[in-house]
Amino acid sequence: MAGRVARLPKDPGPAGWNALLPAAPAPVSLEARITADWLVIGAGFAGLAAAYRLAQLCPGDRVAVLEATRVGQGPAGRNSGFMIDLPHDLASDNYGGALAADLAQTADNRRGVGFAEEMARTFGMTAEAFSKTGKINGAASPRGDAHNQDFARHLSAMNEPFEMLDADRMREITGTGYYTSGLFTPGAAVVQPALFVRSLAAGLASNRVSLFENSPVTSLKRAGDWIAETPSGQVTAPKVILAVNGHLQSFGHMAGQLMHVFTYASMTRRLTREECARLGGNENWGLTPADPLGTTVRRISGTGGDRIVIRNRFTFDPSMEVPDGRVASAGRDHDRSFAARFPMLKGVGMEYRWGGRLCLSRNNVQVVGELEPGLWTACCQNGLGTAKGTLAGMIAAEAANGVISEAWSRMKKAAAPKKLPPDMIARAGATARLRWGEWRAGAEL
């Protein structure tokens, strides 16, 4: 592969999680021609995990990381902050699939979560940045209750622990009577995603890792070694790890095989003490919907004060960009979902609204491996960018160094992402499927 990168990231709205944090130090951009032993492109969960694993495996090597924007401003700072260990297939009614595949997926997800926990511990991150506290699947309708019961039976077959929560217990935790049941699983971690990646990036600076922000790669070509050009500099390295998720296509790979989806979130302003008292419930909790296309909710208490985050709506956008007004349109749905769940907080407005990119494949496989000599990829996280991205970055770094693991063996054996139909058909079909799924979610949305 040789030539220009087709497009650069465009992320709609401010990354709310990042906006809560103190201003980051001034960025260091690439302003020179340098050489490195390893080049990692992308400083999200996958890219930073790859850089950390390379620092472990190759302690004397020079590792350079190029990030198109600022750490925490891209998709890594725009997700809901769950590192989910269990099956989480967004195309499934209740997240689960075939038993054997789900057992393998759980083992892999847990390796990703465990690696994130190791990084959090190594760099002294706070519980706000990373906390393995579990999560709840919340149901708000008989259909949602049935989803939870189905998933509970699947978890029993997997020999996984869980706890069923009734409506009273859900009210005790969340402060709202909206939910009719819950399914708590203990293995998930919750993160402040921007705080996590910014803390990780700062820690890597002491491990011979050079991070350059606001340094998008505009061209990547091989002339013996790989040469990556940015607007003001150049990196030459024998080995490259692409950790750019859906933008893998922008680098000339997997054309017509990746689905690009945006999801949207809104975050309230800081709640007052009186509003917190009126709400009640726990100060920190995380809830994914019993129906995969329903509404995810988190209550947070930390940097930036007490707030509630609402996430719903999915749109299929093959261009990896969304039109002006899309975030505002999704925000109106967020306001309705918020009002339905928290009538005691009438008048509380949203301070931040944003969209974030997902990359999925039709057959729910990741793209991890060597694309060309010396060019590795850690992409296509299928809606679990925190856990699967961390895993993909770690595995790509290991595989590039000849380290074999069960997760890598499974990834090597997996089929390639299935081809998509022609663009117009794919767009129409995916949009119809998403709209139907959201309508079918009913009160879960």
Protein backbone atom coordinates (compact mmCIF):
# COMPACT_ATOMS: atom_id res chain seq x y z
CA MET A 1 0.00 0.00 0.00
CA ALA A 2 1.24 3.46 -0.80
CA GLY A 3 -0.40 6.82 -1.01
CA ARG A 4 -2.46 9.39 0.75
CA VAL A 5 -4.88 8.75 3.56
CA ALA A 6 -8.38 9.18 2.16
CA ARG A 7 -9.96 11.09 5.05
CA LEU A 8 -9.19 12.34 8.54
CA PRO A 9 -11.36 12.00 11.67
CA LYS A 10 -14.26 14.38 12.20
CA ASP A 11 -16.00 13.99 15.56
CA PRO A 12 -19.28 15.83 16.14
CA GLY A 13 -19.75 17.94 19.26
CA PRO A 14 -17.46 18.25 22.27
CA ALA A 15 -16.21 15.09 23.99
CA GLY A 16 -18.11 15.62 27.24
CA TRP A 17 -15.94 13.37 29.38
CA ASN A 18 -12.85 15.28 28.30
CA ALA A 19 -14.52 18.63 28.89
CA LEU A 20 -14.96 17.75 32.58
CA LEU A 21 -11.21 17.47 33.11
CA PRO A 22 -8.66 20.21 33.72
CA ALA A 23 -7.06 21.50 30.55
CA ALA A 24 -4.34 19.18 29.28
CA PRO A 25 -0.80 20.45 28.88
CA ALA A 26 -0.01 22.04 25.52
CA PRO A 27 0.27 19.32 22.87
CA VAL A 28 3.56 18.23 21.37
CA SER A 29 3.04 17.91 17.62
CA LEU A 30 5.39 16.21 15.21
CA GLU A 31 7.52 18.97 13.70
CA ALA A 32 10.51 17.00 12.41
CA ARG A 33 11.61 13.89 10.56
CA ILE A 34 12.27 11.13 13.08
CA THR A 35 12.93 7.42 13.14
CA ALA A 36 11.50 4.86 15.54
CA ASP A 37 11.52 1.12 16.03
CA TRP A 38 7.74 1.08 16.23
CA LEU A 39 5.05 3.48 15.05
CA VAL A 40 1.53 3.32 16.50
CA ILE A 41 -1.10 5.36 14.65
CA GLY A 42 -4.00 6.32 16.92
CA ALA A 43 -3.95 7.10 20.66
CA GLY A 44 -7.26 5.62 21.78
CA PHE A 45 -7.73 2.48 23.85
CA ALA A 46 -6.19 0.23 21.16
CA GLY A 47 -3.24 2.44 20.29
CA LEU A 48 -2.23 3.21 23.87
CA ALA A 49 -2.60 -0.45 24.89
CA ALA A 50 -0.35 -1.39 21.96
CA ALA A 51 2.24 1.20 23.01
CA TYR A 52 2.20 -0.03 26.60
CA ARG A 53 2.60 -3.66 25.55
CA LEU A 54 5.46 -2.74 23.21
CA ALA A 55 7.18 -0.93 26.08
CA GLN A 56 6.89 -4.14 28.10
CA LEU A 57 8.04 -6.49 25.35
CA CYS A 58 10.73 -4.28 23.81
CA PRO A 59 12.02 -2.07 26.64
CA GLY A 60 14.96 -0.72 24.63
CA ASP A 61 12.96 0.18 21.53
CA ARG A 62 11.79 3.63 20.54
CA VAL A 63 7.99 3.77 20.21
CA ALA A 64 6.29 6.73 18.51
CA VAL A 65 2.53 7.32 18.70
CA LEU A 66 0.72 9.69 16.34
CA GLU A 67 -2.71 11.03 17.27
CA ALA A 68 -4.77 13.07 14.80
CA THR A 69 -6.39 15.25 17.47
CA ARG A 70 -5.87 15.35 21.25
CA VAL A 71 -5.93 12.31 23.51
CA GLY A 72 -9.46 12.05 24.92
CA GLN A 73 -11.13 14.14 22.23
CA GLY A 74 -11.74 11.32 19.75
CA PRO A 75 -13.90 8.21 20.12
CA ALA A 76 -11.97 7.13 23.25
CA GLY A 77 -13.47 10.12 25.09
CA ARG A 78 -16.95 9.75 23.60
CA ASN A 79 -18.14 6.29 24.71
CA SER A 80 -20.30 5.41 27.71
CA GLY A 81 -17.36 4.26 29.82
CA PHE A 82 -18.16 0.55 30.20
CA MET A 83 -15.51 -2.14 29.88
CA ILE A 84 -17.82 -5.11 29.44
CA ASP A 85 -16.51 -8.61 30.04
CA LEU A 86 -19.55 -10.60 28.90
CA PRO A 87 -21.03 -11.08 25.40
CA HIS A 88 -22.34 -7.79 24.05
CA ASP A 89 -23.53 -8.30 20.49
CA LEU A 90 -25.52 -5.21 19.47
CA ALA A 91 -27.27 -7.23 16.75
CA SER A 92 -28.72 -9.66 19.31
CA ASP A 93 -31.98 -9.19 21.19
CA ASN A 94 -30.29 -9.80 24.56
CA TYR A 95 -26.55 -9.52 23.70
CA GLY A 96 -25.91 -13.28 23.78
CA GLY A 97 -25.16 -15.70 20.96
CA ALA A 98 -23.92 -19.26 20.59
CA LEU A 99 -22.64 -20.69 23.86
CA ALA A 100 -19.15 -21.76 22.75
CA ALA A 101 -18.51 -18.47 20.95
CA ASP A 102 -19.72 -16.47 23.94
CA LEU A 103 -17.45 -18.38 26.32
CA ALA A 104 -14.48 -17.58 24.08
CA GLN A 105 -15.55 -13.96 23.70
CA THR A 106 -15.87 -13.59 27.46
CA ALA A 107 -12.38 -14.97 27.99
CA ASP A 108 -11.00 -12.50 25.46
CA ASN A 109 -12.95 -9.55 26.84
CA ARG A 110 -11.67 -10.34 30.31
CA ARG A 111 -8.11 -10.34 29.10
CA GLY A 112 -8.72 -6.83 27.73
CA VAL A 113 -10.34 -5.65 30.97
CA GLY A 114 -7.55 -7.25 32.99
CA PHE A 115 -4.90 -5.52 30.89
CA ALA A 116 -6.66 -2.18 31.42
CA GLU A 117 -6.73 -2.88 35.15
CA GLU A 118 -2.99 -3.58 35.06
CA MET A 119 -2.35 -0.26 33.29
CA ALA A 120 -4.55 1.60 35.75
CA ARG A 121 -2.64 0.07 38.65
CA THR A 122 0.78 0.69 37.06
CA PHE A 123 0.11 4.37 36.54
CA GLY A 124 -1.72 4.97 39.81
CA MET A 125 -5.10 5.86 38.30
CA THR A 126 -7.94 6.82 40.62
CA ALA A 127 -11.16 4.84 41.03
CA GLU A 128 -12.85 7.52 38.95
CA ALA A 129 -10.61 6.62 36.00
CA PHE A 130 -11.06 2.84 36.38
CA SER A 131 -13.21 0.86 38.78
CA LYS A 132 -14.24 -2.78 38.47
CA THR A 133 -17.69 -2.36 40.00
CA GLY A 134 -19.91 -4.25 37.57
CA LYS A 135 -22.93 -2.97 35.70
CA ILE A 136 -26.70 -3.40 35.45
CA ASN A 137 -28.89 -4.36 32.49
CA GLY A 138 -31.96 -2.24 33.17
CA ALA A 139 -35.46 -3.15 31.95
CA ALA A 140 -38.42 -0.79 31.78
CA SER A 141 -41.10 -2.99 30.19
CA PRO A 142 -42.34 -6.59 30.08
CA ARG A 143 -40.32 -7.03 26.91
CA GLY A 144 -37.21 -5.74 28.66
CA ASP A 145 -37.89 -8.04 31.61
CA ALA A 146 -38.09 -10.96 29.18
CA HIS A 147 -34.75 -9.96 27.64
CA ASN A 148 -33.17 -9.97 31.09
CA GLN A 149 -34.63 -13.37 31.90
CA ASP A 150 -33.35 -14.76 28.59
CA PHE A 151 -29.89 -13.35 29.23
CA ALA A 152 -29.93 -14.73 32.79
CA ARG A 153 -30.61 -18.23 31.42
CA HIS A 154 -27.74 -17.78 28.97
CA LEU A 155 -25.42 -16.65 31.78
CA SER A 156 -26.45 -19.68 33.83
CA ALA A 157 -25.49 -21.93 30.92
CA MET A 158 -22.14 -20.13 30.83
CA ASN A 159 -21.78 -20.68 34.60
CA GLU A 160 -21.52 -16.92 35.10
CA PRO A 161 -22.58 -15.12 38.31
CA PHE A 162 -25.38 -12.55 38.22
CA GLU A 163 -28.01 -11.04 40.47
CA MET A 164 -31.61 -10.26 39.49
CA LEU A 165 -32.88 -6.95 40.86
CA ASP A 166 -36.56 -6.16 41.34
CA ALA A 167 -38.17 -2.75 40.83
CA ASP A 168 -37.65 -1.70 44.45
CA ARG A 169 -33.97 -2.52 44.34
CA MET A 170 -33.61 -0.67 41.06
CA ARG A 171 -35.21 2.40 42.65
CA GLU A 172 -32.81 2.17 45.60
CA ILE A 173 -29.82 2.20 43.24
CA THR A 174 -30.97 4.67 40.58
CA GLY A 175 -33.39 6.89 42.47
CA THR A 176 -36.05 6.46 39.79
CA GLY A 177 -39.08 4.22 39.59
CA TYR A 178 -38.74 3.90 35.82
CA TYR A 179 -37.13 0.47 35.83
CA THR A 180 -39.08 -2.72 36.41
CA SER A 181 -36.11 -5.05 36.79
CA GLY A 182 -32.35 -5.28 36.52
CA LEU A 183 -29.67 -7.87 35.93
CA PHE A 184 -26.40 -7.10 37.71
CA THR A 185 -23.15 -8.69 36.57
CA PRO A 186 -19.98 -8.09 38.61
CA GLY A 187 -17.18 -8.41 36.05
CA ALA A 188 -17.51 -5.17 34.10
CA ALA A 189 -15.40 -2.12 34.82
CA VAL A 190 -16.61 1.46 34.57
CA VAL A 191 -14.21 4.16 33.49
CA GLN A 192 -14.08 7.89 33.01
CA PRO A 193 -12.83 7.22 29.49
CA ALA A 194 -11.08 10.52 28.83
CA LEU A 195 -9.41 10.44 32.24
CA PHE A 196 -8.29 6.87 31.64
CA VAL A 197 -6.66 7.49 28.25
CA ARG A 198 -5.14 10.81 29.31
CA SER A 199 -3.67 9.19 32.44
CA LEU A 200 -2.36 6.29 30.36
CA ALA A 201 -0.79 8.61 27.79
CA ALA A 202 0.92 10.61 30.53
CA GLY A 203 2.26 7.44 32.13
CA LEU A 204 3.64 6.11 28.86
CA ALA A 205 5.83 9.19 28.48
CA SER A 206 8.14 7.71 31.13
CA ASN A 207 8.46 4.41 29.20
CA ARG A 208 10.37 5.62 26.10
CA VAL A 209 7.08 6.26 24.29
CA SER A 210 6.91 9.51 22.33
CA LEU A 211 3.38 10.81 21.79
CA PHE A 212 2.63 13.44 19.17
CA GLU A 213 -0.87 14.99 19.21
CA ASN A 214 -2.55 17.10 16.53
CA SER A 215 -0.43 15.07 14.11
CA PRO A 216 -2.74 13.30 11.65
CA VAL A 217 -1.15 10.86 9.24
CA THR A 218 -1.79 12.13 5.75
CA SER A 219 0.27 9.52 3.89
CA LEU A 220 1.60 6.06 4.73
CA LYS A 221 3.88 4.23 2.31
CA ARG A 222 6.55 1.56 2.37
CA ALA A 223 10.02 2.15 0.96
CA GLY A 224 11.93 -0.55 2.78
CA ASP A 225 10.67 0.78 6.11
CA TRP A 226 7.29 2.41 6.54
CA ILE A 227 7.11 6.19 6.15
CA ALA A 228 4.24 8.11 7.75
CA GLU A 229 3.84 11.76 6.84
CA THR A 230 1.99 14.37 8.90
CA PRO A 231 1.38 18.04 8.01
CA SER A 232 4.68 19.06 9.64
CA GLY A 233 6.77 15.93 10.05
CA GLN A 234 7.58 12.35 9.17
CA VAL A 235 8.18 9.07 11.02
CA THR A 236 10.15 6.21 9.53
CA ALA A 237 9.77 2.84 11.24
CA PRO A 238 10.12 -0.82 10.23
CA LYS A 239 6.89 -1.82 11.99
CA VAL A 240 3.56 0.02 12.25
CA ILE A 241 0.40 -0.74 14.21
CA LEU A 242 -2.74 0.90 12.83
CA ALA A 243 -5.11 1.51 15.74
CA VAL A 244 -7.60 3.70 13.90
CA ASN A 245 -10.73 1.50 14.08
CA GLY A 246 -13.05 2.32 11.17
CA HIS A 247 -10.50 4.65 9.59
CA LEU A 248 -8.64 1.51 8.57
CA GLN A 249 -10.53 2.03 5.32
CA SER A 250 -9.05 5.51 5.00
CA PHE A 251 -5.65 3.79 4.87
CA GLY A 252 -6.78 1.63 1.95
CA HIS A 253 -7.82 -1.59 3.71
CA MET A 254 -11.09 -3.52 4.15
CA ALA A 255 -13.01 -1.52 1.56
CA GLY A 256 -16.68 -2.52 1.59
CA GLN A 257 -16.28 -4.72 4.68
CA LEU A 258 -16.73 -2.36 7.64
CA MET A 259 -19.89 -0.71 8.91
CA HIS A 260 -19.57 2.81 10.29
CA VAL A 261 -22.13 3.77 12.89
CA PHE A 262 -22.47 6.82 15.11
CA THR A 263 -24.11 6.83 18.49
CA TYR A 264 -24.97 9.92 20.53
CA ALA A 265 -24.88 11.08 24.13
CA SER A 266 -25.84 14.01 26.33
CA MET A 267 -24.52 14.94 29.78
CA THR A 268 -26.37 17.09 32.26
CA ARG A 269 -24.95 20.14 33.94
CA ARG A 270 -23.65 19.65 37.46
CA LEU A 271 -26.51 18.72 39.81
CA THR A 272 -26.99 20.80 42.93
CA ARG A 273 -27.02 19.25 46.40
CA GLU A 274 -30.77 19.75 46.55
CA GLU A 275 -31.24 18.02 43.18
CA CYS A 276 -29.05 15.11 44.30
CA ALA A 277 -31.15 14.76 47.46
CA ARG A 278 -34.33 14.88 45.40
CA LEU A 279 -32.99 12.16 43.11
CA GLY A 280 -31.66 9.86 45.82
CA GLY A 281 -30.06 6.56 44.89
CA ASN A 282 -26.36 5.83 44.64
CA GLU A 283 -23.84 8.45 43.59
CA ASN A 284 -22.24 6.26 40.93
CA TRP A 285 -23.92 3.59 38.83
CA GLY A 286 -23.95 2.38 35.25
CA LEU A 287 -26.85 0.86 33.34
CA THR A 288 -27.01 -0.62 29.88
CA PRO A 289 -30.46 -1.25 28.39
CA ALA A 290 -31.99 -4.73 28.37
CA ASP A 291 -32.66 -4.09 24.68
CA PRO A 292 -29.37 -3.34 22.85
CA LEU A 293 -30.93 -0.40 21.01
CA GLY A 294 -32.35 1.15 24.18
CA THR A 295 -30.93 3.90 26.40
CA THR A 296 -27.69 3.62 28.33
CA VAL A 297 -27.55 5.69 31.53
CA ARG A 298 -24.75 6.55 33.93
CA ARG A 299 -24.75 8.61 37.08
CA ILE A 300 -21.29 9.95 37.89
CA SER A 301 -19.86 11.76 40.87
CA GLY A 302 -16.30 13.01 40.61
CA THR A 303 -14.39 15.56 38.58
CA GLY A 304 -17.05 17.91 37.30
CA GLY A 305 -19.52 17.07 40.07
CA ASP A 306 -22.67 14.94 40.05
CA ARG A 307 -24.12 14.40 36.58
CA ILE A 308 -26.20 12.02 34.52
CA VAL A 309 -25.22 10.77 31.07
CA ILE A 310 -27.83 9.57 28.56
CA ARG A 311 -26.86 7.67 25.41
CA ASN A 312 -29.13 6.40 22.67
CA ARG A 313 -29.74 6.62 18.92
CA PHE A 314 -27.64 4.92 16.26
CA THR A 315 -27.10 6.10 12.69
CA PHE A 316 -25.35 4.38 9.78
CA ASP A 317 -22.85 6.76 8.16
CA PRO A 318 -20.45 5.17 5.64
CA SER A 319 -18.69 8.53 5.17
CA MET A 320 -17.63 8.49 8.85
CA GLU A 321 -19.08 11.98 9.14
CA VAL A 322 -22.51 13.24 10.18
CA PRO A 323 -24.42 16.27 8.91
CA ASP A 324 -24.87 19.45 10.89
CA GLY A 325 -27.87 19.21 13.19
CA ARG A 326 -27.61 15.45 13.78
CA VAL A 327 -26.33 15.84 17.36
CA ALA A 328 -29.09 18.35 18.16
CA SER A 329 -31.70 16.01 16.71
CA ALA A 330 -30.45 13.10 18.82
CA GLY A 331 -30.33 15.44 21.81
CA ARG A 332 -34.07 15.97 21.62
CA ASP A 333 -34.52 12.22 22.01
CA HIS A 334 -32.09 12.27 24.94
CA ASP A 335 -34.17 14.96 26.60
CA ARG A 336 -37.30 12.84 26.27
CA SER A 337 -35.53 9.77 27.67
CA PHE A 338 -34.11 11.81 30.54
CA ALA A 339 -37.50 13.36 31.38
CA ALA A 340 -39.19 9.95 31.39
CA ARG A 341 -36.63 8.50 33.80
CA PHE A 342 -36.01 11.47 36.06
CA PRO A 343 -39.18 13.55 36.46
CA MET A 344 -37.87 14.72 39.83
CA LEU A 345 -35.10 16.57 37.94
CA LYS A 346 -37.39 18.66 35.75
CA GLY A 347 -35.53 21.75 34.61
CA VAL A 348 -32.09 20.16 34.66
CA GLY A 349 -30.53 20.82 31.28
CA MET A 350 -27.79 19.18 29.28
CA GLU A 351 -24.40 20.85 29.21
CA TYR A 352 -22.66 18.64 26.65
CA ARG A 353 -23.91 16.74 23.61
CA TRP A 354 -21.79 14.73 21.21
CA GLY A 355 -21.57 11.86 18.77
CA GLY A 356 -19.05 9.06 18.61
CA ARG A 357 -17.98 6.59 15.91
CA LEU A 358 -18.38 2.81 16.10
CA CYS A 359 -16.98 0.29 13.64
CA LEU A 360 -18.73 -3.06 13.22
CA SER A 361 -18.51 -6.04 10.92
CA ARG A 362 -21.50 -8.04 9.71
CA ASN A 363 -20.14 -11.23 11.29
CA ASN A 364 -18.99 -9.54 14.52
CA VAL A 365 -15.26 -10.17 13.96
CA GLN A 366 -12.34 -7.86 14.65
CA VAL A 367 -9.54 -6.98 12.22
CA VAL A 368 -6.33 -7.79 14.05
CA GLY A 369 -3.25 -9.06 12.24
CA GLU A 370 -0.56 -8.29 9.69
CA LEU A 371 -1.97 -6.61 6.58
CA GLU A 372 1.36 -6.20 4.79
CA PRO A 373 4.93 -6.92 5.86
CA GLY A 374 5.50 -4.88 8.99
CA LEU A 375 2.00 -3.32 8.96
CA TRP A 376 -0.29 -4.55 11.72
CA THR A 377 -3.83 -3.59 12.59
CA ALA A 378 -5.92 -3.49 15.78
CA CYS A 379 -9.32 -2.38 14.49
CA CYS A 380 -13.08 -3.03 14.25
CA GLN A 381 -14.18 -3.22 17.90
CA ASN A 382 -17.88 -4.01 17.23
CA GLY A 383 -19.28 -1.60 19.80
CA LEU A 384 -16.94 -2.58 22.65
CA GLY A 385 -14.14 -0.13 21.99
CA THR A 386 -12.87 0.01 25.55
CA ALA A 387 -12.47 -3.72 26.23
CA LYS A 388 -12.02 -5.04 22.68
CA GLY A 389 -9.87 -2.08 21.68
CA THR A 390 -7.56 -2.66 24.62
CA LEU A 391 -7.40 -6.35 23.76
CA ALA A 392 -6.76 -5.67 20.07
CA GLY A 393 -3.91 -3.27 20.77
CA MET A 394 -2.29 -5.66 23.20
CA ILE A 395 -2.65 -8.66 20.86
CA ALA A 396 -1.32 -6.76 17.83
CA ALA A 397 1.80 -5.77 19.80
CA GLU A 398 2.26 -9.35 20.98
CA ALA A 399 1.70 -10.93 17.58
CA ALA A 400 4.14 -8.51 15.95
CA ASN A 401 6.72 -9.82 18.43
CA GLY A 402 5.88 -13.50 17.91
CA VAL A 403 4.00 -13.89 21.20
CA ILE A 404 1.23 -16.47 20.82
CA SER A 405 -1.92 -16.50 22.98
CA GLU A 406 -5.33 -18.13 22.85
CA ALA A 407 -6.89 -14.80 21.93
CA TRP A 408 -4.45 -14.33 19.04
CA SER A 409 -5.03 -17.89 17.85
CA ARG A 410 -8.77 -17.25 17.78
CA MET A 411 -8.33 -13.97 15.91
CA LYS A 412 -6.10 -15.62 13.30
CA LYS A 413 -8.66 -18.36 12.69
CA ALA A 414 -11.62 -15.98 12.46
CA ALA A 415 -13.17 -15.24 9.10
CA ALA A 416 -12.60 -11.88 7.46
CA PRO A 417 -15.37 -9.29 7.83
CA LYS A 418 -18.20 -10.14 5.45
CA LYS A 419 -18.62 -7.96 2.41
CA LEU A 420 -21.36 -5.35 2.60
CA PRO A 421 -23.99 -4.87 -0.09
CA PRO A 422 -23.56 -1.92 -2.46
CA ASP A 423 -23.54 1.39 -0.61
CA MET A 424 -27.10 2.51 -1.33
CA ILE A 425 -28.51 -0.89 -0.39
CA ALA A 426 -26.36 -1.11 2.74
CA ARG A 427 -27.37 2.40 3.81
CA ALA A 428 -31.08 1.76 3.29
CA GLY A 429 -30.99 -1.65 4.94
CA ALA A 430 -28.93 -0.61 7.95
CA THR A 431 -30.96 2.55 8.53
CA ALA A 432 -34.23 0.62 8.34
CA ARG A 433 -32.88 -2.02 10.71
CA LEU A 434 -31.76 0.60 13.24
CA ARG A 435 -35.03 2.56 13.09
CA TRP A 436 -37.07 -0.63 13.44
CA GLY A 437 -34.93 -1.76 16.36
CA GLU A 438 -35.30 1.58 18.13
CA TRP A 439 -39.06 1.55 17.59
CA ARG A 440 -39.22 -2.04 18.85
CA ALA A 441 -37.22 -1.07 21.97
CA GLY A 442 -40.24 0.94 23.12
CA ALA A 443 -39.90 2.04 26.74
CA GLU A 444 -36.31 0.76 26.79
CA LEU A 445 -35.46 3.75 24.57
